[in-house]
Structures are given as C-alpha cells and as structure tokens.
C-alpha cells in the first residue's frame, strides 16, 4: 500500500535474472504505481521514448543498485530523479542499499525514500 504518486525504481527490469531484455513490468502492473525504468524495451518500441532518455534512466538505475553509492548518494539521486521508493528484487542482479528496508520478505526489500 503506497501513495498513488509513488515512483519506484527496481533492479528487476528484465523478464528473468539471466537476461537483459528490459521487458519486465510486473511490479507496475501489480501495484498500479509508476516505475522509473521498468520495461524500457516497451517504452522505446510502443511509446516512442528516445534512446537518450532510456540510456540516462539505465545509468541512474544501475547506479542505484550498484552497491557503490552511500545511502546519502542514493537518496540524493532519488530526489533528483523523482524516485520515492526502491524495490530490490533479491533474485535479480544488483545490490540492495546498505540500510534496513522498510519492508522485506523472501523475494524483495522495499525502501521508502522520503
């Protein structure tokens, strides 16, 4: 349960952990919330989003889940990009932020960025 204005970023951007197809949209589909960069392949092919925008969002998304940024840096980047929530999918590539999540189960960790 989150505010309808929530914008989330996730490391689950592809259909399986072993691919980089950019077609996962399961979280936005099930939550009715806006994903920052979920399903980027469809954004280009079906919605006409430019490759420049996709590349920028890929760089931001990769940085958020890189494991190289401090939580303060992650927070600043989220503020700059309008991201209010991070969803770390444990089975997918990437690193979770180095702070306690606001919600966690065996599949995901959720971080509220406010």
PDB file of N, CA and C in Angstrom:
ATOM      1  N   UNK A   1       0.838  -1.175   0.000  1.00  0.00           N
ATOM      2  CA  UNK A   1       0.000   0.000   0.000  1.00  0.00           C
ATOM      3  C   UNK A   1       0.881   1.235   0.000  1.00  0.00           C
ATOM      4  N   UNK A   2       0.828   1.948  -1.059  1.00  0.00           N
ATOM      5  CA  UNK A   2       1.606   3.182  -1.160  1.00  0.00           C
ATOM      6  C   UNK A   2       0.748   4.257  -1.799  1.00  0.00           C
ATOM      7  N   UNK A   3       1.213   5.474  -1.656  1.00  0.00           N
ATOM      8  CA  UNK A   3       0.538   6.607  -2.261  1.00  0.00           C
ATOM      9  C   UNK A   3       0.516   6.434  -3.779  1.00  0.00           C
ATOM     10  N   UNK A   4      -0.564   6.876  -4.404  1.00  0.00           N
ATOM     11  CA  UNK A   4      -0.697   6.727  -5.854  1.00  0.00           C
ATOM     12  C   UNK A   4       0.360   7.503  -6.630  1.00  0.00           C
ATOM     13  N   UNK A   5       1.012   8.466  -5.986  1.00  0.00           N
ATOM     14  CA  UNK A   5       2.048   9.243  -6.666  1.00  0.00           C
ATOM     15  C   UNK A   5       3.431   8.598  -6.563  1.00  0.00           C
ATOM     16  N   UNK A   6       3.515   7.436  -5.945  1.00  0.00           N
ATOM     17  CA  UNK A   6       4.795   6.747  -5.787  1.00  0.00           C
ATOM     18  C   UNK A   6       5.435   6.452  -7.142  1.00  0.00           C
ATOM     19  N   UNK A   7       6.725   6.742  -7.229  1.00  0.00           N
ATOM     20  CA  UNK A   7       7.542   6.360  -8.390  1.00  0.00           C
ATOM     21  C   UNK A   7       8.641   5.462  -7.842  1.00  0.00           C
ATOM     22  N   UNK A   8       8.687   4.229  -8.318  1.00  0.00           N
ATOM     23  CA  UNK A   8       9.662   3.296  -7.786  1.00  0.00           C
ATOM     24  C   UNK A   8      10.727   2.951  -8.823  1.00  0.00           C
ATOM     25  N   UNK A   9      11.904   2.655  -8.321  1.00  0.00           N
ATOM     26  CA  UNK A   9      12.973   2.099  -9.156  1.00  0.00           C
ATOM     27  C   UNK A   9      13.227   0.691  -8.652  1.00  0.00           C
ATOM     28  N   UNK A  10      13.541  -0.207  -9.559  1.00  0.00           N
ATOM     29  CA  UNK A  10      13.806  -1.597  -9.195  1.00  0.00           C
ATOM     30  C   UNK A  10      14.946  -2.151 -10.033  1.00  0.00           C
ATOM     31  N   UNK A  11      15.621  -3.122  -9.480  1.00  0.00           N
ATOM     32  CA  UNK A  11      16.652  -3.829 -10.233  1.00  0.00           C
ATOM     33  C   UNK A  11      16.039  -4.927 -11.100  1.00  0.00           C
ATOM     34  N   UNK A  12      14.749  -5.168 -10.987  1.00  0.00           N
ATOM     35  CA  UNK A  12      14.064  -6.167 -11.817  1.00  0.00           C
ATOM     36  C   UNK A  12      13.526  -5.481 -13.068  1.00  0.00           C
ATOM     37  N   UNK A  13      14.375  -5.336 -14.061  1.00  0.00           N
ATOM     38  CA  UNK A  13      13.979  -4.663 -15.302  1.00  0.00           C
ATOM     39  C   UNK A  13      13.858  -5.630 -16.477  1.00  0.00           C
ATOM     40  N   UNK A  14      14.198  -6.885 -16.269  1.00  0.00           N
ATOM     41  CA  UNK A  14      14.120  -7.887 -17.333  1.00  0.00           C
ATOM     42  C   UNK A  14      13.254  -9.059 -16.892  1.00  0.00           C
ATOM     43  N   UNK A  15      12.899  -9.898 -17.857  1.00  0.00           N
ATOM     44  CA  UNK A  15      11.954 -10.980 -17.595  1.00  0.00           C
ATOM     45  C   UNK A  15      12.515 -12.069 -16.687  1.00  0.00           C
ATOM     46  N   UNK A  16      13.814 -12.289 -16.727  1.00  0.00           N
ATOM     47  CA  UNK A  16      14.460 -13.270 -15.846  1.00  0.00           C
ATOM     48  C   UNK A  16      15.784 -12.683 -15.360  1.00  0.00           C
ATOM     49  N   UNK A  17      16.322 -13.209 -14.271  1.00  0.00           N
ATOM     50  CA  UNK A  17      17.606 -12.682 -13.759  1.00  0.00           C
ATOM     51  C   UNK A  17      18.770 -12.835 -14.733  1.00  0.00           C
ATOM     52  N   UNK A  18      18.664 -13.789 -15.657  1.00  0.00           N
ATOM     53  CA  UNK A  18      19.774 -14.076 -16.572  1.00  0.00           C
ATOM     54  C   UNK A  18      19.733 -13.303 -17.878  1.00  0.00           C
ATOM     55  N   UNK A  19      18.740 -12.456 -18.083  1.00  0.00           N
ATOM     56  CA  UNK A  19      18.626 -11.722 -19.343  1.00  0.00           C
ATOM     57  C   UNK A  19      18.654 -10.208 -19.101  1.00  0.00           C
ATOM     58  N   UNK A  20      18.856  -9.487 -20.163  1.00  0.00           N
ATOM     59  CA  UNK A  20      18.775  -8.019 -20.113  1.00  0.00           C
ATOM     60  C   UNK A  20      17.827  -7.545 -21.208  1.00  0.00           C
ATOM     61  N   UNK A  21      16.643  -8.166 -21.247  1.00  0.00           N
ATOM     62  CA  UNK A  21      15.686  -7.854 -22.304  1.00  0.00           C
ATOM     63  C   UNK A  21      14.845  -6.611 -22.033  1.00  0.00           C
ATOM     64  N   UNK A  22      14.838  -6.118 -20.805  1.00  0.00           N
ATOM     65  CA  UNK A  22      14.105  -4.888 -20.492  1.00  0.00           C
ATOM     66  C   UNK A  22      12.616  -4.975 -20.706  1.00  0.00           C
ATOM     67  N   UNK A  23      12.025  -6.155 -20.476  1.00  0.00           N
ATOM     68  CA  UNK A  23      10.582  -6.282 -20.710  1.00  0.00           C
ATOM     69  C   UNK A  23       9.778  -6.572 -19.451  1.00  0.00           C
ATOM     70  N   UNK A  24      10.384  -6.523 -18.279  1.00  0.00           N
ATOM     71  CA  UNK A  24       9.622  -6.768 -17.055  1.00  0.00           C
ATOM     72  C   UNK A  24       8.797  -5.532 -16.701  1.00  0.00           C
ATOM     73  N   UNK A  25       7.536  -5.759 -16.443  1.00  0.00           N
ATOM     74  CA  UNK A  25       6.677  -4.692 -15.933  1.00  0.00           C
ATOM     75  C   UNK A  25       5.758  -5.224 -14.840  1.00  0.00           C
ATOM     76  N   UNK A  26       6.200  -6.309 -14.211  1.00  0.00           N
ATOM     77  CA  UNK A  26       5.353  -6.992 -13.228  1.00  0.00           C
ATOM     78  C   UNK A  26       5.037  -6.098 -12.031  1.00  0.00           C
ATOM     79  N   UNK A  27       5.987  -5.320 -11.537  1.00  0.00           N
ATOM     80  CA  UNK A  27       5.723  -4.505 -10.352  1.00  0.00           C
ATOM     81  C   UNK A  27       4.752  -3.372 -10.649  1.00  0.00           C
ATOM     82  N   UNK A  28       4.935  -2.688 -11.770  1.00  0.00           N
ATOM     83  CA  UNK A  28       3.994  -1.609 -12.082  1.00  0.00           C
ATOM     84  C   UNK A  28       2.620  -2.183 -12.420  1.00  0.00           C
ATOM     85  N   UNK A  29       2.587  -3.334 -13.057  1.00  0.00           N
ATOM     86  CA  UNK A  29       1.306  -3.945 -13.402  1.00  0.00           C
ATOM     87  C   UNK A  29       0.532  -4.356 -12.152  1.00  0.00           C
ATOM     88  N   UNK A  30       1.218  -4.926 -11.187  1.00  0.00           N
ATOM     89  CA  UNK A  30       0.540  -5.417  -9.988  1.00  0.00           C
ATOM     90  C   UNK A  30       0.284  -4.336  -8.949  1.00  0.00           C
ATOM     91  N   UNK A  31       1.084  -3.278  -8.961  1.00  0.00           N
ATOM     92  CA  UNK A  31       0.941  -2.249  -7.927  1.00  0.00           C
ATOM     93  C   UNK A  31       0.147  -1.031  -8.376  1.00  0.00           C
ATOM     94  N   UNK A  32      -0.019  -0.873  -9.670  1.00  0.00           N
ATOM     95  CA  UNK A  32      -0.653   0.318 -10.238  1.00  0.00           C
ATOM     96  C   UNK A  32       0.118   1.583  -9.853  1.00  0.00           C
ATOM     97  N   UNK A  33       1.435   1.449  -9.743  1.00  0.00           N
ATOM     98  CA  UNK A  33       2.323   2.576  -9.449  1.00  0.00           C
ATOM     99  C   UNK A  33       3.293   2.738 -10.609  1.00  0.00           C
ATOM    100  N   UNK A  34       3.837   3.925 -10.749  1.00  0.00           N
ATOM    101  CA  UNK A  34       4.725   4.218 -11.865  1.00  0.00           C
ATOM    102  C   UNK A  34       6.140   3.729 -11.575  1.00  0.00           C
ATOM    103  N   UNK A  35       6.673   2.959 -12.520  1.00  0.00           N
ATOM    104  CA  UNK A  35       8.055   2.533 -12.438  1.00  0.00           C
ATOM    105  C   UNK A  35       8.955   3.567 -13.094  1.00  0.00           C
ATOM    106  N   UNK A  36      10.103   3.798 -12.507  1.00  0.00           N
ATOM    107  CA  UNK A  36      11.074   4.745 -13.077  1.00  0.00           C
ATOM    108  C   UNK A  36      11.626   4.218 -14.398  1.00  0.00           C
ATOM    109  N   UNK A  37      11.954   2.939 -14.452  1.00  0.00           N
ATOM    110  CA  UNK A  37      12.526   2.378 -15.670  1.00  0.00           C
ATOM    111  C   UNK A  37      12.205   0.903 -15.812  1.00  0.00           C
ATOM    112  N   UNK A  38      11.020   0.503 -15.555  1.00  0.00           N
ATOM    113  CA  UNK A  38      10.629  -0.891 -15.704  1.00  0.00           C
ATOM    114  C   UNK A  38      10.088  -1.075 -17.121  1.00  0.00           C
ATOM    115  N   UNK A  39      10.496  -2.121 -17.803  1.00  0.00           N
ATOM    116  CA  UNK A  39      10.000  -2.390 -19.152  1.00  0.00           C
ATOM    117  C   UNK A  39      10.467  -1.389 -20.188  1.00  0.00           C
ATOM    118  N   UNK A  40      11.736  -1.026 -20.143  1.00  0.00           N
ATOM    119  CA  UNK A  40      12.244   0.019 -21.039  1.00  0.00           C
ATOM    120  C   UNK A  40      12.171  -0.350 -22.515  1.00  0.00           C
ATOM    121  N   UNK A  41      12.196  -1.622 -22.855  1.00  0.00           N
ATOM    122  CA  UNK A  41      12.071  -2.018 -24.262  1.00  0.00           C
ATOM    123  C   UNK A  41      10.732  -1.559 -24.819  1.00  0.00           C
ATOM    124  N   UNK A  42       9.668  -1.744 -24.038  1.00  0.00           N
ATOM    125  CA  UNK A  42       8.341  -1.314 -24.470  1.00  0.00           C
ATOM    126  C   UNK A  42       8.242   0.210 -24.562  1.00  0.00           C
ATOM    127  N   UNK A  43       8.951   0.903 -23.701  1.00  0.00           N
ATOM    128  CA  UNK A  43       8.927   2.368 -23.745  1.00  0.00           C
ATOM    129  C   UNK A  43       9.444   2.878 -25.080  1.00  0.00           C
ATOM    130  N   UNK A  44      10.466   2.215 -25.606  1.00  0.00           N
ATOM    131  CA  UNK A  44      11.032   2.618 -26.904  1.00  0.00           C
ATOM    132  C   UNK A  44      10.132   2.163 -28.046  1.00  0.00           C
ATOM    133  N   UNK A  45       9.756   0.885 -28.045  1.00  0.00           N
ATOM    134  CA  UNK A  45       9.017   0.343 -29.187  1.00  0.00           C
ATOM    135  C   UNK A  45       7.560   0.771 -29.233  1.00  0.00           C
ATOM    136  N   UNK A  46       6.914   0.902 -28.093  1.00  0.00           N
ATOM    137  CA  UNK A  46       5.475   1.178 -28.079  1.00  0.00           C
ATOM    138  C   UNK A  46       5.106   2.615 -27.744  1.00  0.00           C
ATOM    139  N   UNK A  47       6.011   3.330 -27.066  1.00  0.00           N
ATOM    140  CA  UNK A  47       5.661   4.667 -26.599  1.00  0.00           C
ATOM    141  C   UNK A  47       6.539   5.761 -27.199  1.00  0.00           C
ATOM    142  N   UNK A  48       7.548   5.389 -27.976  1.00  0.00           N
ATOM    143  CA  UNK A  48       8.381   6.386 -28.636  1.00  0.00           C
ATOM    144  C   UNK A  48       9.346   7.129 -27.734  1.00  0.00           C
ATOM    145  N   UNK A  49       9.699   6.544 -26.587  1.00  0.00           N
ATOM    146  CA  UNK A  49      10.676   7.178 -25.705  1.00  0.00           C
ATOM    147  C   UNK A  49      12.035   7.123 -26.395  1.00  0.00           C
ATOM    148  N   UNK A  50      12.766   8.227 -26.357  1.00  0.00           N
ATOM    149  CA  UNK A  50      14.050   8.283 -27.066  1.00  0.00           C
ATOM    150  C   UNK A  50      15.105   7.419 -26.395  1.00  0.00           C
ATOM    151  N   UNK A  51      16.062   6.963 -27.171  1.00  0.00           N
ATOM    152  CA  UNK A  51      17.163   6.167 -26.650  1.00  0.00           C
ATOM    153  C   UNK A  51      17.981   6.959 -25.632  1.00  0.00           C
ATOM    154  N   UNK A  52      18.073   8.270 -25.812  1.00  0.00           N
ATOM    155  CA  UNK A  52      18.800   9.126 -24.872  1.00  0.00           C
ATOM    156  C   UNK A  52      18.168   9.071 -23.485  1.00  0.00           C
ATOM    157  N   UNK A  53      16.856   9.139 -23.416  1.00  0.00           N
ATOM    158  CA  UNK A  53      16.139   9.071 -22.140  1.00  0.00           C
ATOM    159  C   UNK A  53      16.336   7.695 -21.512  1.00  0.00           C
ATOM    160  N   UNK A  54      16.210   6.652 -22.317  1.00  0.00           N
ATOM    161  CA  UNK A  54      16.386   5.293 -21.804  1.00  0.00           C
ATOM    162  C   UNK A  54      17.794   5.105 -21.260  1.00  0.00           C
ATOM    163  N   UNK A  55      18.799   5.565 -21.983  1.00  0.00           N
ATOM    164  CA  UNK A  55      20.185   5.414 -21.526  1.00  0.00           C
ATOM    165  C   UNK A  55      20.431   6.158 -20.218  1.00  0.00           C
ATOM    166  N   UNK A  56      19.866   7.360 -20.088  1.00  0.00           N
ATOM    167  CA  UNK A  56      20.007   8.114 -18.837  1.00  0.00           C
ATOM    168  C   UNK A  56      19.387   7.333 -17.679  1.00  0.00           C
ATOM    169  N   UNK A  57      18.173   6.847 -17.887  1.00  0.00           N
ATOM    170  CA  UNK A  57      17.482   6.119 -16.822  1.00  0.00           C
ATOM    171  C   UNK A  57      18.197   4.802 -16.506  1.00  0.00           C
ATOM    172  N   UNK A  58      18.767   4.155 -17.505  1.00  0.00           N
ATOM    173  CA  UNK A  58      19.539   2.936 -17.243  1.00  0.00           C
ATOM    174  C   UNK A  58      20.759   3.245 -16.379  1.00  0.00           C
ATOM    175  N   UNK A  59      21.435   4.336 -16.673  1.00  0.00           N
ATOM    176  CA  UNK A  59      22.604   4.727 -15.876  1.00  0.00           C
ATOM    177  C   UNK A  59      22.213   5.024 -14.438  1.00  0.00           C
ATOM    178  N   UNK A  60      21.125   5.755 -14.248  1.00  0.00           N
ATOM    179  CA  UNK A  60      20.649   6.060 -12.894  1.00  0.00           C
ATOM    180  C   UNK A  60      20.260   4.774 -12.185  1.00  0.00           C
ATOM    181  N   UNK A  61      19.479   3.940 -12.841  1.00  0.00           N
ATOM    182  CA  UNK A  61      19.018   2.703 -12.231  1.00  0.00           C
ATOM    183  C   UNK A  61      20.195   1.798 -11.858  1.00  0.00           C
ATOM    184  N   UNK A  62      21.157   1.680 -12.752  1.00  0.00           N
ATOM    185  CA  UNK A  62      22.346   0.871 -12.465  1.00  0.00           C
ATOM    186  C   UNK A  62      23.102   1.415 -11.261  1.00  0.00           C
ATOM    187  N   UNK A  63      23.212   2.724 -11.167  1.00  0.00           N
ATOM    188  CA  UNK A  63      23.908   3.341 -10.035  1.00  0.00           C
ATOM    189  C   UNK A  63      23.176   3.059  -8.723  1.00  0.00           C
ATOM    190  N   UNK A  64      21.843   3.151  -8.738  1.00  0.00           N
ATOM    191  CA  UNK A  64      21.058   2.933  -7.517  1.00  0.00           C
ATOM    192  C   UNK A  64      21.270   1.546  -6.931  1.00  0.00           C
ATOM    193  N   UNK A  65      21.476   0.559  -7.797  1.00  0.00           N
ATOM    194  CA  UNK A  65      21.614  -0.828  -7.351  1.00  0.00           C
ATOM    195  C   UNK A  65      23.025  -1.367  -7.569  1.00  0.00           C
ATOM    196  N   UNK A  66      24.003  -0.468  -7.629  1.00  0.00           N
ATOM    197  CA  UNK A  66      25.389  -0.869  -7.904  1.00  0.00           C
ATOM    198  C   UNK A  66      26.142  -1.346  -6.669  1.00  0.00           C
ATOM    199  N   UNK A  67      25.699  -0.918  -5.504  1.00  0.00           N
ATOM    200  CA  UNK A  67      26.426  -1.236  -4.287  1.00  0.00           C
ATOM    201  C   UNK A  67      27.627  -0.334  -4.049  1.00  0.00           C
ATOM    202  N   UNK A  68      27.794   0.683  -4.905  1.00  0.00           N
ATOM    203  CA  UNK A  68      28.947   1.581  -4.778  1.00  0.00           C
ATOM    204  C   UNK A  68      28.595   2.945  -4.195  1.00  0.00           C
ATOM    205  N   UNK A  69      27.312   3.259  -4.090  1.00  0.00           N
ATOM    206  CA  UNK A  69      26.886   4.556  -3.576  1.00  0.00           C
ATOM    207  C   UNK A  69      26.514   4.450  -2.102  1.00  0.00           C
ATOM    208  N   UNK A  70      26.803   5.497  -1.355  1.00  0.00           N
ATOM    209  CA  UNK A  70      26.327   5.573   0.023  1.00  0.00           C
ATOM    210  C   UNK A  70      24.817   5.780  -0.001  1.00  0.00           C
ATOM    211  N   UNK A  71      24.179   5.545   1.137  1.00  0.00           N
ATOM    212  CA  UNK A  71      22.748   5.772   1.186  1.00  0.00           C
ATOM    213  C   UNK A  71      22.426   7.241   0.940  1.00  0.00           C
ATOM    214  N   UNK A  72      23.287   8.136   1.403  1.00  0.00           N
ATOM    215  CA  UNK A  72      23.083   9.567   1.163  1.00  0.00           C
ATOM    216  C   UNK A  72      23.126   9.874  -0.335  1.00  0.00           C
ATOM    217  N   UNK A  73      24.049   9.264  -1.059  1.00  0.00           N
ATOM    218  CA  UNK A  73      24.130   9.473  -2.502  1.00  0.00           C
ATOM    219  C   UNK A  73      22.916   8.892  -3.213  1.00  0.00           C
ATOM    220  N   UNK A  74      22.477   7.729  -2.760  1.00  0.00           N
ATOM    221  CA  UNK A  74      21.268   7.125  -3.328  1.00  0.00           C
ATOM    222  C   UNK A  74      20.074   8.041  -3.094  1.00  0.00           C
ATOM    223  N   UNK A  75      19.962   8.568  -1.888  1.00  0.00           N
ATOM    224  CA  UNK A  75      18.858   9.461  -1.550  1.00  0.00           C
ATOM    225  C   UNK A  75      18.865  10.720  -2.420  1.00  0.00           C
ATOM    226  N   UNK A  76      20.042  11.310  -2.607  1.00  0.00           N
ATOM    227  CA  UNK A  76      20.161  12.497  -3.463  1.00  0.00           C
ATOM    228  C   UNK A  76      19.753  12.191  -4.897  1.00  0.00           C
ATOM    229  N   UNK A  77      20.217  11.060  -5.423  1.00  0.00           N
ATOM    230  CA  UNK A  77      19.884  10.676  -6.786  1.00  0.00           C
ATOM    231  C   UNK A  77      18.387  10.436  -6.936  1.00  0.00           C
ATOM    232  N   UNK A  78      17.785   9.803  -5.955  1.00  0.00           N
ATOM    233  CA  UNK A  78      16.334   9.590  -5.991  1.00  0.00           C
ATOM    234  C   UNK A  78      15.582  10.919  -5.989  1.00  0.00           C
ATOM    235  N   UNK A  79      16.017  11.853  -5.171  1.00  0.00           N
ATOM    236  CA  UNK A  79      15.384  13.168  -5.129  1.00  0.00           C
ATOM    237  C   UNK A  79      15.495  13.861  -6.485  1.00  0.00           C
ATOM    238  N   UNK A  80      16.681  13.836  -7.076  1.00  0.00           N
ATOM    239  CA  UNK A  80      16.906  14.469  -8.388  1.00  0.00           C
ATOM    240  C   UNK A  80      16.005  13.866  -9.465  1.00  0.00           C
ATOM    241  N   UNK A  81      15.772  12.561  -9.391  1.00  0.00           N
ATOM    242  CA  UNK A  81      15.038  11.853 -10.442  1.00  0.00           C
ATOM    243  C   UNK A  81      13.556  11.649 -10.123  1.00  0.00           C
ATOM    244  N   UNK A  82      13.103  12.102  -8.948  1.00  0.00           N
ATOM    245  CA  UNK A  82      11.696  11.961  -8.588  1.00  0.00           C
ATOM    246  C   UNK A  82      11.306  10.557  -8.162  1.00  0.00           C
ATOM    247  N   UNK A  83      12.265   9.777  -7.696  1.00  0.00           N
ATOM    248  CA  UNK A  83      12.018   8.400  -7.251  1.00  0.00           C
ATOM    249  C   UNK A  83      11.705   8.430  -5.764  1.00  0.00           C
ATOM    250  N   UNK A  84      10.591   7.827  -5.374  1.00  0.00           N
ATOM    251  CA  UNK A  84      10.182   7.853  -3.975  1.00  0.00           C
ATOM    252  C   UNK A  84      10.293   6.498  -3.284  1.00  0.00           C
ATOM    253  N   UNK A  85      10.640   5.462  -4.029  1.00  0.00           N
ATOM    254  CA  UNK A  85      10.689   4.116  -3.465  1.00  0.00           C
ATOM    255  C   UNK A  85      11.663   3.262  -4.268  1.00  0.00           C
ATOM    256  N   UNK A  86      12.436   2.425  -3.574  1.00  0.00           N
ATOM    257  CA  UNK A  86      13.305   1.454  -4.237  1.00  0.00           C
ATOM    258  C   UNK A  86      12.798   0.055  -3.914  1.00  0.00           C
ATOM    259  N   UNK A  87      12.736  -0.793  -4.932  1.00  0.00           N
ATOM    260  CA  UNK A  87      12.345  -2.186  -4.739  1.00  0.00           C
ATOM    261  C   UNK A  87      13.497  -3.056  -5.223  1.00  0.00           C
ATOM    262  N   UNK A  88      14.129  -3.723  -4.276  1.00  0.00           N
ATOM    263  CA  UNK A  88      15.244  -4.599  -4.589  1.00  0.00           C
ATOM    264  C   UNK A  88      14.737  -6.034  -4.696  1.00  0.00           C
ATOM    265  N   UNK A  89      14.808  -6.597  -5.891  1.00  0.00           N
ATOM    266  CA  UNK A  89      14.405  -7.983  -6.128  1.00  0.00           C
ATOM    267  C   UNK A  89      15.617  -8.878  -5.869  1.00  0.00           C
ATOM    268  N   UNK A  90      15.528  -9.715  -4.857  1.00  0.00           N
ATOM    269  CA  UNK A  90      16.679 -10.480  -4.385  1.00  0.00           C
ATOM    270  C   UNK A  90      17.222 -11.482  -5.398  1.00  0.00           C
ATOM    271  N   UNK A  91      16.400 -11.969  -6.305  1.00  0.00           N
ATOM    272  CA  UNK A  91      16.845 -12.954  -7.288  1.00  0.00           C
ATOM    273  C   UNK A  91      17.491 -12.315  -8.519  1.00  0.00           C
ATOM    274  N   UNK A  92      17.476 -11.003  -8.592  1.00  0.00           N
ATOM    275  CA  UNK A  92      17.971 -10.296  -9.777  1.00  0.00           C
ATOM    276  C   UNK A  92      19.311  -9.636  -9.479  1.00  0.00           C
ATOM    277  N   UNK A  93      20.097  -9.369 -10.526  1.00  0.00           N
ATOM    278  CA  UNK A  93      21.407  -8.729 -10.318  1.00  0.00           C
ATOM    279  C   UNK A  93      21.278  -7.362  -9.670  1.00  0.00           C
ATOM    280  N   UNK A  94      22.291  -7.016  -8.898  1.00  0.00           N
ATOM    281  CA  UNK A  94      22.320  -5.718  -8.235  1.00  0.00           C
ATOM    282  C   UNK A  94      22.538  -5.884  -6.750  1.00  0.00           C
ATOM    283  N   UNK A  95      22.710  -4.764  -6.088  1.00  0.00           N
ATOM    284  CA  UNK A  95      22.940  -4.746  -4.648  1.00  0.00           C
ATOM    285  C   UNK A  95      21.890  -3.870  -3.979  1.00  0.00           C
ATOM    286  N   UNK A  96      21.447  -4.312  -2.822  1.00  0.00           N
ATOM    287  CA  UNK A  96      20.478  -3.534  -2.043  1.00  0.00           C
ATOM    288  C   UNK A  96      21.190  -2.392  -1.335  1.00  0.00           C
ATOM    289  N   UNK A  97      20.493  -1.288  -1.083  1.00  0.00           N
ATOM    290  CA  UNK A  97      21.085  -0.213  -0.286  1.00  0.00           C
ATOM    291  C   UNK A  97      21.526  -0.739   1.085  1.00  0.00           C
ATOM    292  N   UNK A  98      22.579  -0.158   1.615  1.00  0.00           N
ATOM    293  CA  UNK A  98      23.162  -0.626   2.876  1.00  0.00           C
ATOM    294  C   UNK A  98      22.475  -0.005   4.094  1.00  0.00           C
ATOM    295  N   UNK A  99      21.155  -0.092   4.130  1.00  0.00           N
ATOM    296  CA  UNK A  99      20.350   0.337   5.274  1.00  0.00           C
ATOM    297  C   UNK A  99      19.224  -0.675   5.447  1.00  0.00           C
ATOM    298  N   UNK A 100      18.574  -0.642   6.579  1.00  0.00           N
ATOM    299  CA  UNK A 100      17.453  -1.551   6.811  1.00  0.00           C
ATOM    300  C   UNK A 100      16.267  -1.160   5.933  1.00  0.00           C
ATOM    301  N   UNK A 101      15.637  -2.134   5.290  1.00  0.00           N
ATOM    302  CA  UNK A 101      14.473  -1.823   4.453  1.00  0.00           C
ATOM    303  C   UNK A 101      13.242  -1.494   5.303  1.00  0.00           C
ATOM    304  N   UNK A 102      12.289  -0.817   4.685  1.00  0.00           N
ATOM    305  CA  UNK A 102      11.016  -0.524   5.348  1.00  0.00           C
ATOM    306  C   UNK A 102      10.099  -1.737   5.328  1.00  0.00           C
ATOM    307  N   UNK A 103      10.302  -2.609   4.353  1.00  0.00           N
ATOM    308  CA  UNK A 103       9.568  -3.871   4.247  1.00  0.00           C
ATOM    309  C   UNK A 103      10.493  -4.881   3.603  1.00  0.00           C
ATOM    310  N   UNK A 104      10.392  -6.130   4.055  1.00  0.00           N
ATOM    311  CA  UNK A 104      11.219  -7.176   3.451  1.00  0.00           C
ATOM    312  C   UNK A 104      10.528  -8.523   3.594  1.00  0.00           C
ATOM    313  N   UNK A 105      10.632  -9.328   2.536  1.00  0.00           N
ATOM    314  CA  UNK A 105      10.222 -10.725   2.618  1.00  0.00           C
ATOM    315  C   UNK A 105      11.282 -11.552   1.886  1.00  0.00           C
ATOM    316  N   UNK A 106      10.978 -12.794   1.579  1.00  0.00           N
ATOM    317  CA  UNK A 106      11.985 -13.650   0.946  1.00  0.00           C
ATOM    318  C   UNK A 106      12.325 -13.243  -0.486  1.00  0.00           C
ATOM    319  N   UNK A 107      11.500 -12.408  -1.111  1.00  0.00           N
ATOM    320  CA  UNK A 107      11.702 -12.033  -2.516  1.00  0.00           C
ATOM    321  C   UNK A 107      12.209 -10.620  -2.733  1.00  0.00           C
ATOM    322  N   UNK A 108      11.771  -9.694  -1.913  1.00  0.00           N
ATOM    323  CA  UNK A 108      12.080  -8.277  -2.140  1.00  0.00           C
ATOM    324  C   UNK A 108      12.402  -7.548  -0.843  1.00  0.00           C
ATOM    325  N   UNK A 109      13.069  -6.423  -1.002  1.00  0.00           N
ATOM    326  CA  UNK A 109      13.253  -5.449   0.070  1.00  0.00           C
ATOM    327  C   UNK A 109      12.784  -4.105  -0.481  1.00  0.00           C
ATOM    328  N   UNK A 110      12.000  -3.383   0.294  1.00  0.00           N
ATOM    329  CA  UNK A 110      11.412  -2.113  -0.145  1.00  0.00           C
ATOM    330  C   UNK A 110      11.973  -0.992   0.737  1.00  0.00           C
ATOM    331  N   UNK A 111      12.410   0.075   0.078  1.00  0.00           N
ATOM    332  CA  UNK A 111      12.988   1.229   0.762  1.00  0.00           C
ATOM    333  C   UNK A 111      12.184   2.465   0.379  1.00  0.00           C
ATOM    334  N   UNK A 112      11.593   3.116   1.343  1.00  0.00           N
ATOM    335  CA  UNK A 112      10.853   4.359   1.102  1.00  0.00           C
ATOM    336  C   UNK A 112      11.832   5.513   1.170  1.00  0.00           C
ATOM    337  N   UNK A 113      11.867   6.313   0.144  1.00  0.00           N
ATOM    338  CA  UNK A 113      12.882   7.364   0.015  1.00  0.00           C
ATOM    339  C   UNK A 113      12.306   8.735   0.330  1.00  0.00           C
ATOM    340  N   UNK A 114      11.748   8.903   1.521  1.00  0.00           N
ATOM    341  CA  UNK A 114      11.218  10.211   1.881  1.00  0.00           C
ATOM    342  C   UNK A 114      11.717  10.654   3.215  1.00  0.00           C
TER     343      UNK A 114
END
